[in-house]
Amino acid sequence: MIKACLRGLFHRTFKTNAEIFSDPLSLPRSFSLETYRKLWEAVPFAHFFWNSVVVSVASVVLIALFSAMAAFYLARFSFRWTGVLYFFFLIGLMIPIKLGIVPLFMLMKKLGLLNSLWSLIVIYTASGIPISVFILTGFFRTLPVELEEAARIDGCSHFQVLWRVLLPLIRPALGTVVIINFIGAWNDFFFPLIFIQEETLKTIPVGMMVLFGEYETDWSLLFAGLTLSALPMIGVFLLASRQFMEGLTAGAVK
């Protein structure tokens, strides 16, 4: 089913509007890269693509780094406020971040981050940490404590135990975190629409809106842009799909 959808999306990049609406399931009459050339001329697609890559990759790296450290301490160290701190992260799963758009806009304005990619990176990182901490904490708790004790006897610090011993063992969880947060940041339309006004700083979902004409839309250009924007997500999923599936099925089979 997914292959059929992707094939249909790709084929429509080589059709005219008349062909798309008259016979949407047929093969294109000719295969030419002219549509992709027009796309790069019609909009600054290279800027849109690069902005989406920067925002998504930076957000995923920061989320994985901060979430792994927070989950490690929540899972392995007991102190007075452990339960309260863990519940604080869970609150982030219960309250949609879009409800705070007005305070967020005022905060970004005071920080001077409006019309900057950093505003999106900060928001995506903050919104992705709760679910990531929830996932990683559960995986850390399943690992035997003896591994850490052996590493500390060998002279490893807390960070070395996390980096050299535990993180390689929770690759399925990290794959799940990467895929969930990358797709969310890559496809987001709401926050770039609010915080980004400059044309060259827009991400793909917002930038592609210029292809919708007031009276007419060149659908082949739009489908070409959607095809190119889908490639990174497909690549990320293929690279992390094994860890993702292992993360989803962890604990199902003993």
Foldseek 3Di string as FASTA:
>chain_A
DVVQVLVLLVQLLQDFPCCCVPPSNDGHPDDDCVLVVVLVVVAVLVLQAVLLVVLLVLLLVLLLVVLLVLLLCLQPPDDDCSVVVLVVLVVLVVDDPVVCVPVLVVVCVVVVCFQHSVSSSVVLNVSLNSVLNVLNNVVSNVDDCVQVVVVVVVPDDPVCCSPPPPVVVLLLSSLQSSLVSSVCSLQDDPPLVVRHDDRSNHHLVPNLVVQDDPVDHGVSSSSVSVSVSCVVSVVSCVVSVVSPVCSVCPPVPD
